[in-house]
C-alpha atoms as a PDB file:
ATOM      1  CA  MET A   1      58.380 140.439 126.834  1.00  0.00           C
ATOM      2  CA  PHE A   2      58.576 137.931 124.625  1.00  0.00           C
ATOM      3  CA  LYS A   3      56.833 134.687 125.496  1.00  0.00           C
ATOM      4  CA  ASN A   4      56.805 131.626 122.920  1.00  0.00           C
ATOM      5  CA  GLU A   5      58.430 134.564 120.427  1.00  0.00           C
ATOM      6  CA  LYS A   6      55.102 136.412 120.901  1.00  0.00           C
ATOM      7  CA  LEU A   7      55.377 139.967 123.182  1.00  0.00           C
ATOM      8  CA  GLN A   8      53.659 139.806 126.334  1.00  0.00           C
ATOM      9  CA  PRO A   9      52.563 142.327 129.165  1.00  0.00           C
ATOM     10  CA  LEU A  10      53.778 141.741 131.986  1.00  0.00           C
ATOM     11  CA  ASP A  11      50.674 142.354 133.643  1.00  0.00           C
ATOM     12  CA  HIS A  12      48.957 139.174 133.381  1.00  0.00           C
ATOM     13  CA  VAL A  13      51.688 137.676 135.461  1.00  0.00           C
ATOM     14  CA  LEU A  14      50.028 136.784 138.850  1.00  0.00           C
ATOM     15  CA  TRP A  15      53.270 137.107 140.738  1.00  0.00           C
ATOM     16  CA  GLU A  16      51.555 135.759 144.164  1.00  0.00           C
ATOM     17  CA  ASN A  17      51.576 132.859 142.188  1.00  0.00           C
ATOM     18  CA  VAL A  18      55.015 132.496 141.307  1.00  0.00           C
ATOM     19  CA  LYS A  19      56.997 129.838 143.318  1.00  0.00           C
ATOM     20  CA  GLU A  20      60.372 129.892 141.168  1.00  0.00           C
ATOM     21  CA  ILE A  21      62.405 132.771 139.351  1.00  0.00           C
ATOM     22  CA  LYS A  22      65.478 132.051 137.109  1.00  0.00           C
ATOM     23  CA  VAL A  23      67.285 134.727 135.726  1.00  0.00           C
ATOM     24  CA  ASP A  24      69.668 134.263 132.637  1.00  0.00           C
ATOM     25  CA  TYR A  25      71.468 138.086 131.308  1.00  0.00           C
ATOM     26  CA  LEU A  26      73.407 137.613 128.321  1.00  0.00           C
ATOM     27  CA  ALA A  27      74.234 140.390 126.094  1.00  0.00           C
ATOM     28  CA  MET A  28      72.030 141.808 124.090  1.00  0.00           C
ATOM     29  CA  ARG A  29      68.881 140.075 126.046  1.00  0.00           C
ATOM     30  CA  THR A  30      67.727 138.457 129.359  1.00  0.00           C
ATOM     31  CA  ASN A  31      66.400 135.028 129.809  1.00  0.00           C
ATOM     32  CA  LEU A  32      63.396 135.350 132.456  1.00  0.00           C
ATOM     33  CA  THR A  33      62.387 131.927 133.825  1.00  0.00           C
ATOM     34  CA  LEU A  34      58.981 131.960 135.791  1.00  0.00           C
ATOM     35  CA  ASN A  35      57.483 128.642 137.052  1.00  0.00           C
ATOM     36  CA  GLY A  36      58.944 126.893 133.911  1.00  0.00           C
ATOM     37  CA  GLN A  37      57.735 129.403 131.123  1.00  0.00           C
ATOM     38  CA  ASN A  38      60.323 131.108 130.079  1.00  0.00           C
ATOM     39  CA  TYR A  39      60.575 134.716 129.007  1.00  0.00           C
ATOM     40  CA  ARG A  40      62.911 136.876 126.369  1.00  0.00           C
ATOM     41  CA  LEU A  41      63.365 140.091 128.152  1.00  0.00           C
ATOM     42  CA  VAL A  42      64.450 142.828 125.104  1.00  0.00           C
ATOM     43  CA  ASN A  43      65.114 145.536 127.252  1.00  0.00           C
ATOM     44  CA  GLU A  44      65.208 146.535 130.896  1.00  0.00           C
ATOM     45  CA  GLY A  45      66.068 142.716 132.096  1.00  0.00           C
ATOM     46  CA  LYS A  46      67.736 143.624 135.558  1.00  0.00           C
ATOM     47  CA  LYS A  47      65.023 146.829 136.263  1.00  0.00           C
ATOM     48  CA  ILE A  48      62.009 143.513 135.128  1.00  0.00           C
ATOM     49  CA  PHE A  49      64.056 140.760 137.148  1.00  0.00           C
ATOM     50  CA  ALA A  50      63.658 143.785 140.078  1.00  0.00           C
ATOM     51  CA  LEU A  51      60.112 143.801 139.951  1.00  0.00           C
ATOM     52  CA  ALA A  52      60.016 140.333 139.686  1.00  0.00           C
ATOM     53  CA  GLN A  53      61.639 139.868 142.904  1.00  0.00           C
ATOM     54  CA  GLU A  54      59.853 142.728 144.589  1.00  0.00           C
ATOM     55  CA  LYS A  55      56.773 141.198 143.733  1.00  0.00           C
ATOM     56  CA  SER A  56      57.013 137.344 144.325  1.00  0.00           C
ATOM     57  CA  GLU A  57      58.555 135.783 147.531  1.00  0.00           C
ATOM     58  CA  ALA A  58      59.633 132.824 145.259  1.00  0.00           C
ATOM     59  CA  LYS A  59      63.299 131.923 145.289  1.00  0.00           C
ATOM     60  CA  VAL A  60      65.550 133.160 142.560  1.00  0.00           C
ATOM     61  CA  GLU A  61      68.308 131.633 140.573  1.00  0.00           C
ATOM     62  CA  LYS A  62      70.759 133.526 138.711  1.00  0.00           C
ATOM     63  CA  VAL A  63      72.680 131.697 136.106  1.00  0.00           C
ATOM     64  CA  ASP A  64      76.562 132.533 136.452  1.00  0.00           C
ATOM     65  CA  ARG A  65      77.953 133.041 132.783  1.00  0.00           C
ATOM     66  CA  LYS A  66      81.262 134.432 132.312  1.00  0.00           C
ATOM     67  CA  TRP A  67      81.456 137.401 129.513  1.00  0.00           C
ATOM     68  CA  HIS A  68      82.236 135.624 126.505  1.00  0.00           C
ATOM     69  CA  GLN A  69      79.213 132.974 126.959  1.00  0.00           C
ATOM     70  CA  LYS A  70      77.379 135.841 126.934  1.00  0.00           C
ATOM     71  CA  ILE A  71      77.931 136.699 123.361  1.00  0.00           C
ATOM     72  CA  LEU A  72      76.087 135.148 120.461  1.00  0.00           C
ATOM     73  CA  GLY A  73      77.451 132.012 119.248  1.00  0.00           C
ATOM     74  CA  PHE A  74      78.881 131.549 122.341  1.00  0.00           C
ATOM     75  CA  ARG A  75      76.367 130.384 124.943  1.00  0.00           C
ATOM     76  CA  SER A  76      75.625 127.600 123.901  1.00  0.00           C
ATOM     77  CA  GLY A  77      78.576 126.408 124.179  1.00  0.00           C
ATOM     78  CA  THR A  78      78.617 124.291 120.448  1.00  0.00           C
ATOM     79  CA  HIS A  79      81.820 124.503 118.884  1.00  0.00           C
ATOM     80  CA  TRP A  80      80.609 124.880 115.927  1.00  0.00           C
ATOM     81  CA  LYS A  81      78.883 127.523 116.339  1.00  0.00           C
ATOM     82  CA  LYS A  82      81.990 129.509 118.002  1.00  0.00           C
ATOM     83  CA  ILE A  83      83.481 129.059 114.928  1.00  0.00           C
ATOM     84  CA  THR A  84      81.302 130.667 112.860  1.00  0.00           C
ATOM     85  CA  ALA A  85      80.524 133.386 115.279  1.00  0.00           C
ATOM     86  CA  VAL A  86      84.503 133.421 115.273  1.00  0.00           C
ATOM     87  CA  ILE A  87      84.494 134.096 111.455  1.00  0.00           C
ATOM     88  CA  ALA A  88      81.434 136.441 111.759  1.00  0.00           C
ATOM     89  CA  TYR A  89      82.984 138.673 113.997  1.00  0.00           C
ATOM     90  CA  LEU A  90      86.025 139.021 112.079  1.00  0.00           C
ATOM     91  CA  LEU A  91      84.933 139.640 108.505  1.00  0.00           C
ATOM     92  CA  ILE A  92      82.596 142.432 110.751  1.00  0.00           C
ATOM     93  CA  PHE A  93      85.524 144.255 112.188  1.00  0.00           C
ATOM     94  CA  GLY A  94      87.459 143.375 109.385  1.00  0.00           C
ATOM     95  CA  PHE A  95      84.615 145.716 106.971  1.00  0.00           C
ATOM     96  CA  ILE A  96      84.856 148.048 109.925  1.00  0.00           C
ATOM     97  CA  GLY A  97      88.714 148.119 110.062  1.00  0.00           C
ATOM     98  CA  SER A  98      89.109 148.421 106.040  1.00  0.00           C
ATOM     99  CA  PHE A  99      86.454 151.623 105.822  1.00  0.00           C
ATOM    100  CA  PHE A 100      88.484 153.270 108.606  1.00  0.00           C
ATOM    101  CA  PHE A 101      91.625 152.331 107.740  1.00  0.00           C
ATOM    102  CA  GLY A 102      91.068 152.681 103.706  1.00  0.00           C
ATOM    103  CA  GLU A 103      90.397 156.385 104.371  1.00  0.00           C
ATOM    104  CA  GLU A 104      93.482 157.133 106.127  1.00  0.00           C
ATOM    105  CA  GLU A 105      95.570 154.890 103.297  1.00  0.00           C
ATOM    106  CA  ALA A 106      93.705 157.114 100.949  1.00  0.00           C
ATOM    107  CA  GLU A 107      94.729 160.699 103.234  1.00  0.00           C
ATOM    108  CA  VAL A 108      97.955 159.192 103.212  1.00  0.00           C
ATOM    109  CA  ALA A 109      98.653 158.411  99.466  1.00  0.00           C
ATOM    110  CA  ALA A 110      96.813 161.990  98.454  1.00  0.00           C
ATOM    111  CA  GLU A 111      99.627 163.342 100.649  1.00  0.00           C
ATOM    112  CA  ASP A 112     102.219 161.343  98.960  1.00  0.00           C
ATOM    113  CA  GLU A 113     101.025 161.819  96.074  1.00  0.00           C
ATOM    114  CA  PRO A 114     101.977 165.244  95.024  1.00  0.00           C
ATOM    115  CA  ALA A 115     105.089 164.937  96.800  1.00  0.00           C
ATOM    116  CA  ALA A 116     105.695 162.208  93.991  1.00  0.00           C
ATOM    117  CA  SER A 117     104.100 163.909  91.140  1.00  0.00           C
ATOM    118  CA  THR A 118     106.712 166.984  92.245  1.00  0.00           C
ATOM    119  CA  GLU A 119     109.446 164.573  92.167  1.00  0.00           C
ATOM    120  CA  VAL A 120     108.265 163.449  88.760  1.00  0.00           C
ATOM    121  CA  ALA A 121     107.309 166.847  87.480  1.00  0.00           C
ATOM    122  CA  SER A 122     110.752 167.971  88.581  1.00  0.00           C
ATOM    123  CA  GLU A 123     112.872 164.780  86.730  1.00  0.00           C
ATOM    124  CA  GLU A 124     110.969 165.469  83.347  1.00  0.00           C
ATOM    125  CA  THR A 125     112.117 169.221  84.427  1.00  0.00           C
ATOM    126  CA  GLU A 126     115.426 168.220  84.414  1.00  0.00           C
ATOM    127  CA  ALA A 127     114.944 166.363  81.320  1.00  0.00           C
ATOM    128  CA  SER A 128     113.685 168.083  79.737  1.00  0.00           C
ATOM    129  CA  ALA A 129     116.409 170.923  80.232  1.00  0.00           C
ATOM    130  CA  GLU A 130     119.236 168.305  79.369  1.00  0.00           C
ATOM    131  CA  GLU A 131     117.387 167.852  76.360  1.00  0.00           C
ATOM    132  CA  LYS A 132     116.834 170.984  75.328  1.00  0.00           C
ATOM    133  CA  GLU A 133     121.038 171.845  76.414  1.00  0.00           C
ATOM    134  CA  ALA A 134     121.498 169.035  74.227  1.00  0.00           C
ATOM    135  CA  GLU A 135     119.593 170.236  71.271  1.00  0.00           C
ATOM    136  CA  LEU A 136     120.893 173.993  71.832  1.00  0.00           C
ATOM    137  CA  LYS A 137     124.864 172.479  71.588  1.00  0.00           C
ATOM    138  CA  ARG A 138     123.619 170.283  68.442  1.00  0.00           C
ATOM    139  CA  ILE A 139     122.210 173.016  66.808  1.00  0.00           C
ATOM    140  CA  GLU A 140     125.869 175.265  67.699  1.00  0.00           C
ATOM    141  CA  GLU A 141     127.993 172.675  66.391  1.00  0.00           C
ATOM    142  CA  ILE A 142     126.169 172.750  63.168  1.00  0.00           C
ATOM    143  CA  ALA A 143     126.185 176.415  62.524  1.00  0.00           C
ATOM    144  CA  ALA A 144     129.688 176.538  63.618  1.00  0.00           C
ATOM    145  CA  ALA A 145     130.279 173.667  61.162  1.00  0.00           C
ATOM    146  CA  GLU A 146     128.525 175.359  58.612  1.00  0.00           C
ATOM    147  CA  GLU A 147     130.183 178.731  59.401  1.00  0.00           C
ATOM    148  CA  LYS A 148     133.597 176.994  59.103  1.00  0.00           C
ATOM    149  CA  LYS A 149     132.350 175.531  55.665  1.00  0.00           C
ATOM    150  CA  GLN A 150     131.105 178.575  54.740  1.00  0.00           C
ATOM    151  CA  ALA A 151     134.493 180.306  55.285  1.00  0.00           C
ATOM    152  CA  GLU A 152     136.184 177.668  53.934  1.00  0.00           C
ATOM    153  CA  LYS A 153     134.367 178.526  50.486  1.00  0.00           C
ATOM    154  CA  ASP A 154     134.750 181.877  50.555  1.00  0.00           C
ATOM    155  CA  ALA A 155     138.035 181.582  51.109  1.00  0.00           C
ATOM    156  CA  ALA A 156     138.711 179.411  48.204  1.00  0.00           C
ATOM    157  CA  ALA A 157     136.256 181.976  46.417  1.00  0.00           C
ATOM    158  CA  ALA A 158     138.484 184.738  46.943  1.00  0.00           C
ATOM    159  CA  GLU A 159     141.886 183.036  45.657  1.00  0.00           C
ATOM    160  CA  GLU A 160     140.629 181.832  42.771  1.00  0.00           C
ATOM    161  CA  LYS A 161     139.198 185.647  41.715  1.00  0.00           C
ATOM    162  CA  ALA A 162     142.911 186.797  43.330  1.00  0.00           C
ATOM    163  CA  LEU A 163     144.559 184.143  40.606  1.00  0.00           C
ATOM    164  CA  ALA A 164     141.996 184.800  38.261  1.00  0.00           C
ATOM    165  CA  GLU A 165     142.984 188.900  38.512  1.00  0.00           C
ATOM    166  CA  GLU A 166     146.564 188.081  38.421  1.00  0.00           C
ATOM    167  CA  LYS A 167     146.224 185.898  35.726  1.00  0.00           C
ATOM    168  CA  GLU A 168     143.839 188.730  34.137  1.00  0.00           C
ATOM    169  CA  VAL A 169     147.037 191.755  34.878  1.00  0.00           C
ATOM    170  CA  GLU A 170     149.205 189.275  33.118  1.00  0.00           C
ATOM    171  CA  LYS A 171     147.494 189.018  29.887  1.00  0.00           C
ATOM    172  CA  ASP A 172     147.431 192.368  29.605  1.00  0.00           C
ATOM    173  CA  ALA A 173     150.356 193.491  30.335  1.00  0.00           C
ATOM    174  CA  ALA A 174     151.379 191.191  27.632  1.00  0.00           C
ATOM    175  CA  VAL A 175     148.447 192.360  25.183  1.00  0.00           C
ATOM    176  CA  LEU A 176     150.505 195.611  25.881  1.00  0.00           C
ATOM    177  CA  ASP A 177     153.301 194.638  25.347  1.00  0.00           C
ATOM    178  CA  SER A 178     152.714 192.800  22.019  1.00  0.00           C
ATOM    179  CA  PHE A 179     150.344 195.954  20.849  1.00  0.00           C
ATOM    180  CA  ASN A 180     153.803 198.520  21.762  1.00  0.00           C
ATOM    181  CA  ALA A 181     156.054 196.867  19.680  1.00  0.00           C
ATOM    182  CA  ILE A 182     153.910 196.292  16.326  1.00  0.00           C
ATOM    183  CA  ARG A 183     152.901 200.040  17.115  1.00  0.00           C
ATOM    184  CA  THR A 184     156.602 201.178  17.012  1.00  0.00           C
ATOM    185  CA  GLU A 185     157.278 198.779  14.157  1.00  0.00           C
ATOM    186  CA  MET A 186     154.032 200.401  11.831  1.00  0.00           C
ATOM    187  CA  ILE A 187     154.624 203.958  12.625  1.00  0.00           C
ATOM    188  CA  ASN A 188     158.973 203.581  11.972  1.00  0.00           C
ATOM    189  CA  GLN A 189     157.704 201.504   8.214  1.00  0.00           C
ATOM    190  CA  GLY A 190     156.106 204.756   7.233  1.00  0.00           C
ATOM    191  CA  SER A 191     153.646 203.028   5.709  1.00  0.00           C
ATOM    192  CA  GLY A 192     151.350 206.039   6.980  1.00  0.00           C
ATOM    193  CA  VAL A 193     149.967 204.932  10.236  1.00  0.00           C
ATOM    194  CA  VAL A 194     150.612 207.820  12.594  1.00  0.00           C
ATOM    195  CA  ASP A 195     149.887 206.474  15.751  1.00  0.00           C
ATOM    196  CA  MET A 196     147.872 203.393  17.190  1.00  0.00           C
ATOM    197  CA  ASP A 197     145.927 202.976  20.756  1.00  0.00           C
ATOM    198  CA  ILE A 198     144.283 200.257  22.146  1.00  0.00           C
ATOM    199  CA  ALA A 199     141.878 199.823  25.271  1.00  0.00           C
ATOM    200  CA  LYS A 200     140.381 197.052  27.000  1.00  0.00           C
ATOM    201  CA  ASP A 201     136.609 196.001  27.205  1.00  0.00           C
ATOM    202  CA  PRO A 202     135.160 193.667  29.531  1.00  0.00           C
ATOM    203  CA  SER A 203     135.279 191.233  26.320  1.00  0.00           C
ATOM    204  CA  TYR A 204     137.684 192.523  23.952  1.00  0.00           C
ATOM    205  CA  TYR A 205     140.241 194.850  23.336  1.00  0.00           C
ATOM    206  CA  GLN A 206     139.651 198.150  20.993  1.00  0.00           C
ATOM    207  CA  ILE A 207     142.550 199.621  18.965  1.00  0.00           C
ATOM    208  CA  LYS A 208     142.282 202.822  17.280  1.00  0.00           C
ATOM    209  CA  ILE A 209     144.722 203.366  13.992  1.00  0.00           C
ATOM    210  CA  ILE A 210     145.421 207.214  13.224  1.00  0.00           C
ATOM    211  CA  VAL A 211     146.321 207.231   9.080  1.00  0.00           C
ATOM    212  CA  ASP A 212     147.996 210.136   7.637  1.00  0.00           C
ATOM    213  CA  GLU A 213     145.062 211.969   5.587  1.00  0.00           C
ATOM    214  CA  SER A 214     147.264 212.401   2.458  1.00  0.00           C
ATOM    215  CA  ILE A 215     147.680 209.120   2.220  1.00  0.00           C
ATOM    216  CA  TRP A 216     144.401 207.773   2.855  1.00  0.00           C
ATOM    217  CA  ALA A 217     143.434 210.521   0.539  1.00  0.00           C
ATOM    218  CA  ASN A 218     145.138 209.642  -2.405  1.00  0.00           C
ATOM    219  CA  SER A 219     144.600 205.620  -2.192  1.00  0.00           C
ATOM    220  CA  THR A 220     142.283 204.096  -4.023  1.00  0.00           C
ATOM    221  CA  GLU A 221     139.752 201.615  -2.144  1.00  0.00           C
ATOM    222  CA  SER A 222     141.361 198.430  -2.254  1.00  0.00           C
ATOM    223  CA  GLN A 223     144.466 200.185  -0.969  1.00  0.00           C
ATOM    224  CA  LYS A 224     142.756 201.174   1.992  1.00  0.00           C
ATOM    225  CA  MET A 225     141.082 197.712   2.010  1.00  0.00           C
ATOM    226  CA  SER A 226     144.112 196.078   1.462  1.00  0.00           C
ATOM    227  CA  PHE A 227     146.131 198.219   3.758  1.00  0.00           C
ATOM    228  CA  VAL A 228     143.865 197.893   6.854  1.00  0.00           C
ATOM    229  CA  THR A 229     143.594 194.366   6.248  1.00  0.00           C
ATOM    230  CA  SER A 230     147.091 193.851   5.992  1.00  0.00           C
ATOM    231  CA  LEU A 231     147.295 195.162   9.852  1.00  0.00           C
ATOM    232  CA  SER A 232     145.009 193.893  11.044  1.00  0.00           C
ATOM    233  CA  THR A 233     146.417 190.368  10.340  1.00  0.00           C
ATOM    234  CA  VAL A 234     149.725 191.882  11.806  1.00  0.00           C
ATOM    235  CA  LEU A 235     148.076 192.200  15.082  1.00  0.00           C
ATOM    236  CA  GLU A 236     146.058 189.196  15.225  1.00  0.00           C
ATOM    237  CA  ASN A 237     149.336 187.115  14.530  1.00  0.00           C
ATOM    238  CA  GLU A 238     150.526 188.305  17.624  1.00  0.00           C
ATOM    239  CA  ILE A 239     147.572 189.563  20.319  1.00  0.00           C
ATOM    240  CA  ASP A 240     145.142 186.078  20.426  1.00  0.00           C
ATOM    241  CA  GLU A 241     142.618 188.056  21.597  1.00  0.00           C
ATOM    242  CA  THR A 242     139.491 189.307  20.163  1.00  0.00           C
ATOM    243  CA  LEU A 243     140.044 192.845  18.920  1.00  0.00           C
ATOM    244  CA  PHE A 244     138.026 195.062  16.887  1.00  0.00           C
ATOM    245  CA  TYR A 245     139.196 198.587  14.846  1.00  0.00           C
ATOM    246  CA  ASP A 246     138.536 201.865  14.100  1.00  0.00           C
ATOM    247  CA  VAL A 247     140.489 203.776  11.561  1.00  0.00           C
ATOM    248  CA  TYR A 248     140.783 207.857  12.286  1.00  0.00           C
ATOM    249  CA  SER A 249     142.026 210.880   9.571  1.00  0.00           C
ATOM    250  CA  ASN A 250     144.427 212.177  11.425  1.00  0.00           C
ATOM    251  CA  ILE A 251     143.479 216.031   9.912  1.00  0.00           C
ATOM    252  CA  ASN A 252     139.513 215.729   9.765  1.00  0.00           C
ATOM    253  CA  GLU A 253     139.770 213.182  12.683  1.00  0.00           C
ATOM    254  CA  ASP A 254     136.455 211.384  11.350  1.00  0.00           C
ATOM    255  CA  ILE A 255     136.524 207.602  11.058  1.00  0.00           C
ATOM    256  CA  VAL A 256     137.564 206.499   7.659  1.00  0.00           C
ATOM    257  CA  ALA A 257     137.148 202.764   8.020  1.00  0.00           C
ATOM    258  CA  THR A 258     135.742 200.483  11.030  1.00  0.00           C
ATOM    259  CA  THR A 259     135.062 196.697  11.758  1.00  0.00           C
ATOM    260  CA  GLY A 260     131.795 195.684  12.590  1.00  0.00           C
ATOM    261  CA  ILE A 261     130.023 192.865  15.347  1.00  0.00           C
ATOM    262  CA  LEU A 262     131.287 190.013  12.627  1.00  0.00           C
ATOM    263  CA  GLY A 263     134.673 191.926  12.202  1.00  0.00           C
ATOM    264  CA  SER A 264     134.482 192.423   8.512  1.00  0.00           C
ATOM    265  CA  TRP A 265     136.269 196.005   7.480  1.00  0.00           C
ATOM    266  CA  LYS A 266     134.313 198.821   6.103  1.00  0.00           C
ATOM    267  CA  ILE A 267     135.641 201.483   4.251  1.00  0.00           C
ATOM    268  CA  LYS A 268     133.799 204.698   5.455  1.00  0.00           C
ATOM    269  CA  ARG A 269     135.623 206.871   2.545  1.00  0.00           C
END
């Protein structure tokens, strides 16, 4: 028990001398007045009040208070204390409420977060799939365009090659016609030409001339040179291609005259 803010035991109280008892029950303590002396009971206020009634025959006065007048800040009835108490209690309750409801909101947020994450992940997956599909489509279009371009290029090359081959065939036919005409004329003239043949190499034509051995053997070297030079001139006037010559003996079948790389004649015998 407190008296004047000092802890006092109940044993010092002379109950037979107590003539007046007043009790005031508050929310957290009990105020006890004995013969005008105020005592504050911090616990077991009702038991001590019962003890006072038992030990003393004094008149007992009990202060009647409404329930809210027992709460700290509302006991004196002062307005500013009430306002201060209301603000303080609101802050306390707000703090406690935020503590509990904050955890609940955190749990709800934690529950909602996976769903939101799943939705975002799903949207990202769909977007990624669409991007990949668009990229594949673009690659396919590029490949198709390249394939078409290559096909057109191959077709043009094949057409060009066919035209070149056709021209080559036409040229070969014209060369052969000119050669056969000259061959027939040379043989019929009796100039010593027994036969002639022509073969095509990739970049030139090789002409084989077979001469009468008796005429060739009885001719001088200048006559032989004049003969082969005149014959090659006739051929080159009709055939506008690169020509090389080999002259053979119809008896010995050896080469008696030939042209070198530079096209000049060489009499071998």
